[in-house]
Amino acid sequence: MSYRAPADNIYKEGTFITAKEDPDVQLVITKYMQRIYYCAVVGNAERKELAYFERELIAPANA
């Protein structure tokens, strides 16, 4: 059974973002489930999705 957390996330799916651990790599949020953001590396579809908590992400510059 799939569980989706309430819509309490501040970043929406499709948002371009960076992680605090590697701010030079641009990510795009592909989904948000159970308070975890799943992100894909922009321009590298072969790389595995990365999972981050909200506190590990840097807000987009235009936010």
PDB file of N, CA and C in Angstrom:
ATOM      1  N   MET A   1       0.838  -1.175   0.000  1.00  0.00           N
ATOM      2  CA  MET A   1       0.000   0.000   0.000  1.00  0.00           C
ATOM      3  C   MET A   1       0.882   1.236   0.000  1.00  0.00           C
ATOM      4  N   SER A   2       0.584   2.157  -0.854  1.00  0.00           N
ATOM      5  CA  SER A   2       1.357   3.381  -0.972  1.00  0.00           C
ATOM      6  C   SER A   2       0.835   4.436  -0.007  1.00  0.00           C
ATOM      7  N   TYR A   3       1.748   5.111   0.667  1.00  0.00           N
ATOM      8  CA  TYR A   3       1.384   6.163   1.608  1.00  0.00           C
ATOM      9  C   TYR A   3       1.944   7.477   1.124  1.00  0.00           C
ATOM     10  N   ARG A   4       1.129   8.489   1.018  1.00  0.00           N
ATOM     11  CA  ARG A   4       1.584   9.837   0.671  1.00  0.00           C
ATOM     12  C   ARG A   4       1.328  10.736   1.875  1.00  0.00           C
ATOM     13  N   ALA A   5       2.352  11.483   2.272  1.00  0.00           N
ATOM     14  CA  ALA A   5       2.203  12.419   3.380  1.00  0.00           C
ATOM     15  C   ALA A   5       1.292  13.563   2.954  1.00  0.00           C
ATOM     16  N   PRO A   6       0.708  14.240   3.892  1.00  0.00           N
ATOM     17  CA  PRO A   6      -0.110  15.403   3.552  1.00  0.00           C
ATOM     18  C   PRO A   6       0.718  16.422   2.768  1.00  0.00           C
ATOM     19  N   ALA A   7       0.054  17.300   2.090  1.00  0.00           N
ATOM     20  CA  ALA A   7       0.734  18.292   1.246  1.00  0.00           C
ATOM     21  C   ALA A   7       1.372  19.379   2.112  1.00  0.00           C
ATOM     22  N   ASP A   8       2.344  19.006   2.918  1.00  0.00           N
ATOM     23  CA  ASP A   8       3.025  19.959   3.789  1.00  0.00           C
ATOM     24  C   ASP A   8       4.409  20.316   3.266  1.00  0.00           C
ATOM     25  N   ASN A   9       4.711  19.872   2.073  1.00  0.00           N
ATOM     26  CA  ASN A   9       6.022  20.154   1.511  1.00  0.00           C
ATOM     27  C   ASN A   9       6.084  21.588   1.003  1.00  0.00           C
ATOM     28  N   ILE A  10       7.274  22.189   1.066  1.00  0.00           N
ATOM     29  CA  ILE A  10       7.409  23.562   0.579  1.00  0.00           C
ATOM     30  C   ILE A  10       7.880  23.594  -0.866  1.00  0.00           C
ATOM     31  N   TYR A  11       8.481  22.509  -1.348  1.00  0.00           N
ATOM     32  CA  TYR A  11       8.933  22.429  -2.736  1.00  0.00           C
ATOM     33  C   TYR A  11       7.981  21.515  -3.509  1.00  0.00           C
ATOM     34  N   LYS A  12       7.553  21.944  -4.660  1.00  0.00           N
ATOM     35  CA  LYS A  12       6.636  21.160  -5.487  1.00  0.00           C
ATOM     36  C   LYS A  12       7.410  20.279  -6.455  1.00  0.00           C
ATOM     37  N   GLU A  13       6.780  19.222  -6.940  1.00  0.00           N
ATOM     38  CA  GLU A  13       7.386  18.351  -7.946  1.00  0.00           C
ATOM     39  C   GLU A  13       7.693  19.178  -9.190  1.00  0.00           C
ATOM     40  N   GLY A  14       8.866  18.951  -9.772  1.00  0.00           N
ATOM     41  CA  GLY A  14       9.287  19.702 -10.950  1.00  0.00           C
ATOM     42  C   GLY A  14      10.154  20.909 -10.621  1.00  0.00           C
ATOM     43  N   THR A  15      10.337  21.207  -9.326  1.00  0.00           N
ATOM     44  CA  THR A  15      11.161  22.337  -8.911  1.00  0.00           C
ATOM     45  C   THR A  15      12.637  22.002  -9.068  1.00  0.00           C
ATOM     46  N   PHE A  16      13.399  22.935  -9.633  1.00  0.00           N
ATOM     47  CA  PHE A  16      14.850  22.779  -9.731  1.00  0.00           C
ATOM     48  C   PHE A  16      15.460  23.278  -8.432  1.00  0.00           C
ATOM     49  N   ILE A  17      16.393  22.500  -7.887  1.00  0.00           N
ATOM     50  CA  ILE A  17      16.901  22.749  -6.550  1.00  0.00           C
ATOM     51  C   ILE A  17      18.326  22.226  -6.446  1.00  0.00           C
ATOM     52  N   THR A  18      19.019  22.520  -5.351  1.00  0.00           N
ATOM     53  CA  THR A  18      20.342  21.945  -5.091  1.00  0.00           C
ATOM     54  C   THR A  18      20.365  21.404  -3.660  1.00  0.00           C
ATOM     55  N   ALA A  19      21.319  20.530  -3.419  1.00  0.00           N
ATOM     56  CA  ALA A  19      21.478  19.948  -2.085  1.00  0.00           C
ATOM     57  C   ALA A  19      22.639  20.633  -1.375  1.00  0.00           C
ATOM     58  N   LYS A  20      22.574  20.722  -0.067  1.00  0.00           N
ATOM     59  CA  LYS A  20      23.641  21.348   0.717  1.00  0.00           C
ATOM     60  C   LYS A  20      24.955  20.588   0.571  1.00  0.00           C
ATOM     61  N   GLU A  21      24.887  19.267   0.407  1.00  0.00           N
ATOM     62  CA  GLU A  21      26.102  18.457   0.333  1.00  0.00           C
ATOM     63  C   GLU A  21      26.884  18.675  -0.961  1.00  0.00           C
ATOM     64  N   ASP A  22      26.198  19.072  -2.038  1.00  0.00           N
ATOM     65  CA  ASP A  22      26.864  19.303  -3.331  1.00  0.00           C
ATOM     66  C   ASP A  22      26.094  20.380  -4.096  1.00  0.00           C
ATOM     67  N   PRO A  23      26.287  21.646  -3.738  1.00  0.00           N
ATOM     68  CA  PRO A  23      25.486  22.716  -4.339  1.00  0.00           C
ATOM     69  C   PRO A  23      25.779  22.984  -5.820  1.00  0.00           C
ATOM     70  N   ASP A  24      26.821  22.388  -6.378  1.00  0.00           N
ATOM     71  CA  ASP A  24      27.137  22.582  -7.790  1.00  0.00           C
ATOM     72  C   ASP A  24      26.292  21.697  -8.707  1.00  0.00           C
ATOM     73  N   VAL A  25      25.640  20.688  -8.166  1.00  0.00           N
ATOM     74  CA  VAL A  25      24.830  19.759  -8.958  1.00  0.00           C
ATOM     75  C   VAL A  25      23.370  20.195  -8.892  1.00  0.00           C
ATOM     76  N   GLN A  26      22.786  20.472 -10.043  1.00  0.00           N
ATOM     77  CA  GLN A  26      21.389  20.880 -10.086  1.00  0.00           C
ATOM     78  C   GLN A  26      20.494  19.643 -10.115  1.00  0.00           C
ATOM     79  N   LEU A  27      19.438  19.683  -9.300  1.00  0.00           N
ATOM     80  CA  LEU A  27      18.498  18.576  -9.167  1.00  0.00           C
ATOM     81  C   LEU A  27      17.105  19.046  -9.539  1.00  0.00           C
ATOM     82  N   VAL A  28      16.255  18.102  -9.885  1.00  0.00           N
ATOM     83  CA  VAL A  28      14.838  18.386 -10.091  1.00  0.00           C
ATOM     84  C   VAL A  28      14.056  17.400  -9.230  1.00  0.00           C
ATOM     85  N   ILE A  29      13.065  17.901  -8.521  1.00  0.00           N
ATOM     86  CA  ILE A  29      12.256  17.057  -7.645  1.00  0.00           C
ATOM     87  C   ILE A  29      11.285  16.254  -8.499  1.00  0.00           C
ATOM     88  N   THR A  30      11.372  14.930  -8.383  1.00  0.00           N
ATOM     89  CA  THR A  30      10.500  14.065  -9.168  1.00  0.00           C
ATOM     90  C   THR A  30       9.273  13.614  -8.380  1.00  0.00           C
ATOM     91  N   LYS A  31       9.422  13.463  -7.059  1.00  0.00           N
ATOM     92  CA  LYS A  31       8.263  13.124  -6.226  1.00  0.00           C
ATOM     93  C   LYS A  31       8.565  13.417  -4.770  1.00  0.00           C
ATOM     94  N   TYR A  32       7.506  13.504  -3.991  1.00  0.00           N
ATOM     95  CA  TYR A  32       7.581  13.760  -2.551  1.00  0.00           C
ATOM     96  C   TYR A  32       6.703  12.724  -1.874  1.00  0.00           C
ATOM     97  N   MET A  33       7.316  11.890  -1.051  1.00  0.00           N
ATOM     98  CA  MET A  33       6.578  10.834  -0.363  1.00  0.00           C
ATOM     99  C   MET A  33       7.141  10.636   1.034  1.00  0.00           C
ATOM    100  N   GLN A  34       6.263  10.548   2.002  1.00  0.00           N
ATOM    101  CA  GLN A  34       6.625  10.295   3.397  1.00  0.00           C
ATOM    102  C   GLN A  34       7.721  11.243   3.877  1.00  0.00           C
ATOM    103  N   ARG A  35       7.551  12.525   3.569  1.00  0.00           N
ATOM    104  CA  ARG A  35       8.444  13.605   3.996  1.00  0.00           C
ATOM    105  C   ARG A  35       9.856  13.520   3.395  1.00  0.00           C
ATOM    106  N   ILE A  36       9.986  12.805   2.304  1.00  0.00           N
ATOM    107  CA  ILE A  36      11.267  12.680   1.604  1.00  0.00           C
ATOM    108  C   ILE A  36      11.094  13.170   0.174  1.00  0.00           C
ATOM    109  N   TYR A  37      12.058  13.988  -0.274  1.00  0.00           N
ATOM    110  CA  TYR A  37      12.066  14.474  -1.656  1.00  0.00           C
ATOM    111  C   TYR A  37      12.945  13.547  -2.483  1.00  0.00           C
ATOM    112  N   TYR A  38      12.416  13.049  -3.577  1.00  0.00           N
ATOM    113  CA  TYR A  38      13.179  12.216  -4.501  1.00  0.00           C
ATOM    114  C   TYR A  38      13.563  13.094  -5.682  1.00  0.00           C
ATOM    115  N   CYS A  39      14.863  13.159  -5.962  1.00  0.00           N
ATOM    116  CA  CYS A  39      15.375  14.084  -6.965  1.00  0.00           C
ATOM    117  C   CYS A  39      16.207  13.360  -8.010  1.00  0.00           C
ATOM    118  N   ALA A  40      16.153  13.881  -9.223  1.00  0.00           N
ATOM    119  CA  ALA A  40      16.980  13.381 -10.319  1.00  0.00           C
ATOM    120  C   ALA A  40      17.998  14.462 -10.657  1.00  0.00           C
ATOM    121  N   VAL A  41      19.182  14.046 -11.069  1.00  0.00           N
ATOM    122  CA  VAL A  41      20.221  14.980 -11.470  1.00  0.00           C
ATOM    123  C   VAL A  41      19.864  15.504 -12.858  1.00  0.00           C
ATOM    124  N   VAL A  42      19.854  16.812 -13.019  1.00  0.00           N
ATOM    125  CA  VAL A  42      19.518  17.434 -14.297  1.00  0.00           C
ATOM    126  C   VAL A  42      20.620  17.132 -15.309  1.00  0.00           C
ATOM    127  N   GLY A  43      20.239  16.624 -16.472  1.00  0.00           N
ATOM    128  CA  GLY A  43      21.191  16.335 -17.533  1.00  0.00           C
ATOM    129  C   GLY A  43      21.876  14.986 -17.433  1.00  0.00           C
ATOM    130  N   ASN A  44      21.488  14.165 -16.466  1.00  0.00           N
ATOM    131  CA  ASN A  44      22.106  12.854 -16.306  1.00  0.00           C
ATOM    132  C   ASN A  44      21.015  11.835 -15.940  1.00  0.00           C
ATOM    133  N   ALA A  45      20.268  11.397 -16.930  1.00  0.00           N
ATOM    134  CA  ALA A  45      19.143  10.493 -16.693  1.00  0.00           C
ATOM    135  C   ALA A  45      19.575   9.097 -16.239  1.00  0.00           C
ATOM    136  N   GLU A  46      20.813   8.725 -16.490  1.00  0.00           N
ATOM    137  CA  GLU A  46      21.286   7.391 -16.125  1.00  0.00           C
ATOM    138  C   GLU A  46      21.605   7.261 -14.635  1.00  0.00           C
ATOM    139  N   ARG A  47      21.810   8.366 -13.962  1.00  0.00           N
ATOM    140  CA  ARG A  47      22.164   8.338 -12.543  1.00  0.00           C
ATOM    141  C   ARG A  47      20.926   8.021 -11.704  1.00  0.00           C
ATOM    142  N   LYS A  48      21.124   7.326 -10.609  1.00  0.00           N
ATOM    143  CA  LYS A  48      20.020   6.950  -9.726  1.00  0.00           C
ATOM    144  C   LYS A  48      19.388   8.181  -9.090  1.00  0.00           C
ATOM    145  N   GLU A  49      18.110   8.053  -8.721  1.00  0.00           N
ATOM    146  CA  GLU A  49      17.442   9.125  -7.998  1.00  0.00           C
ATOM    147  C   GLU A  49      18.070   9.263  -6.614  1.00  0.00           C
ATOM    148  N   LEU A  50      18.091  10.476  -6.113  1.00  0.00           N
ATOM    149  CA  LEU A  50      18.629  10.765  -4.800  1.00  0.00           C
ATOM    150  C   LEU A  50      17.485  11.154  -3.875  1.00  0.00           C
ATOM    151  N   ALA A  51      17.594  10.807  -2.612  1.00  0.00           N
ATOM    152  CA  ALA A  51      16.551  11.108  -1.641  1.00  0.00           C
ATOM    153  C   ALA A  51      17.088  12.078  -0.594  1.00  0.00           C
ATOM    154  N   TYR A  52      16.294  13.106  -0.313  1.00  0.00           N
ATOM    155  CA  TYR A  52      16.700  14.134   0.645  1.00  0.00           C
ATOM    156  C   TYR A  52      15.534  14.516   1.543  1.00  0.00           C
ATOM    157  N   PHE A  53      15.878  14.904   2.774  1.00  0.00           N
ATOM    158  CA  PHE A  53      14.916  15.546   3.646  1.00  0.00           C
ATOM    159  C   PHE A  53      14.921  17.033   3.314  1.00  0.00           C
ATOM    160  N   GLU A  54      13.863  17.722   3.693  1.00  0.00           N
ATOM    161  CA  GLU A  54      13.731  19.144   3.374  1.00  0.00           C
ATOM    162  C   GLU A  54      14.915  19.958   3.901  1.00  0.00           C
ATOM    163  N   ARG A  55      15.421  19.636   5.072  1.00  0.00           N
ATOM    164  CA  ARG A  55      16.519  20.391   5.683  1.00  0.00           C
ATOM    165  C   ARG A  55      17.845  20.229   4.926  1.00  0.00           C
ATOM    166  N   GLU A  56      17.940  19.251   4.034  1.00  0.00           N
ATOM    167  CA  GLU A  56      19.161  19.007   3.280  1.00  0.00           C
ATOM    168  C   GLU A  56      19.190  19.733   1.936  1.00  0.00           C
ATOM    169  N   LEU A  57      18.111  20.462   1.629  1.00  0.00           N
ATOM    170  CA  LEU A  57      18.013  21.125   0.341  1.00  0.00           C
ATOM    171  C   LEU A  57      18.175  22.632   0.477  1.00  0.00           C
ATOM    172  N   ILE A  58      18.655  23.262  -0.585  1.00  0.00           N
ATOM    173  CA  ILE A  58      18.814  24.705  -0.635  1.00  0.00           C
ATOM    174  C   ILE A  58      17.690  25.261  -1.504  1.00  0.00           C
ATOM    175  N   ALA A  59      17.023  26.272  -1.010  1.00  0.00           N
ATOM    176  CA  ALA A  59      15.899  26.871  -1.733  1.00  0.00           C
ATOM    177  C   ALA A  59      16.356  27.433  -3.066  1.00  0.00           C
ATOM    178  N   PRO A  60      15.517  27.351  -4.084  1.00  0.00           N
ATOM    179  CA  PRO A  60      15.860  27.942  -5.371  1.00  0.00           C
ATOM    180  C   PRO A  60      16.043  29.456  -5.242  1.00  0.00           C
ATOM    181  N   ALA A  61      16.879  30.025  -6.084  1.00  0.00           N
ATOM    182  CA  ALA A  61      17.201  31.447  -6.017  1.00  0.00           C
ATOM    183  C   ALA A  61      15.989  32.337  -6.254  1.00  0.00           C
ATOM    184  N   ASN A  62      15.038  31.874  -7.066  1.00  0.00           N
ATOM    185  CA  ASN A  62      13.878  32.686  -7.376  1.00  0.00           C
ATOM    186  C   ASN A  62      12.709  32.482  -6.424  1.00  0.00           C
ATOM    187  N   ALA A  63      12.932  31.769  -5.330  1.00  0.00           N
ATOM    188  CA  ALA A  63      11.832  31.524  -4.373  1.00  0.00           C
ATOM    189  C   ALA A  63      11.722  32.621  -3.351  1.00  0.00           C
TER     190      ALA A  63
END
